[in-house]
C-alpha cells in the first residue's frame, strides 16, 4: 500500500468520513458543488498571488 493511502486510511479510521458528521450524500455533493463554485470564482488557480 502506498504510504499516502495509509495516511488517508488512518485519518478516515480516526475521524470518520463525511457520514460520521451526519451529512447525507446529497449534502456532501452540495458542499462539493459550493466549493467548486468558490474555486471557479477565484480563477480556477491552485496558487493565488499573495495579498499585500
Foldseek 3Di string as FASTA:
>chain_A
DDPVVVVVVVCCVVPNDPVVVVDDPVNVVVVVVVVVVVCVVQPVDPDDDDDD
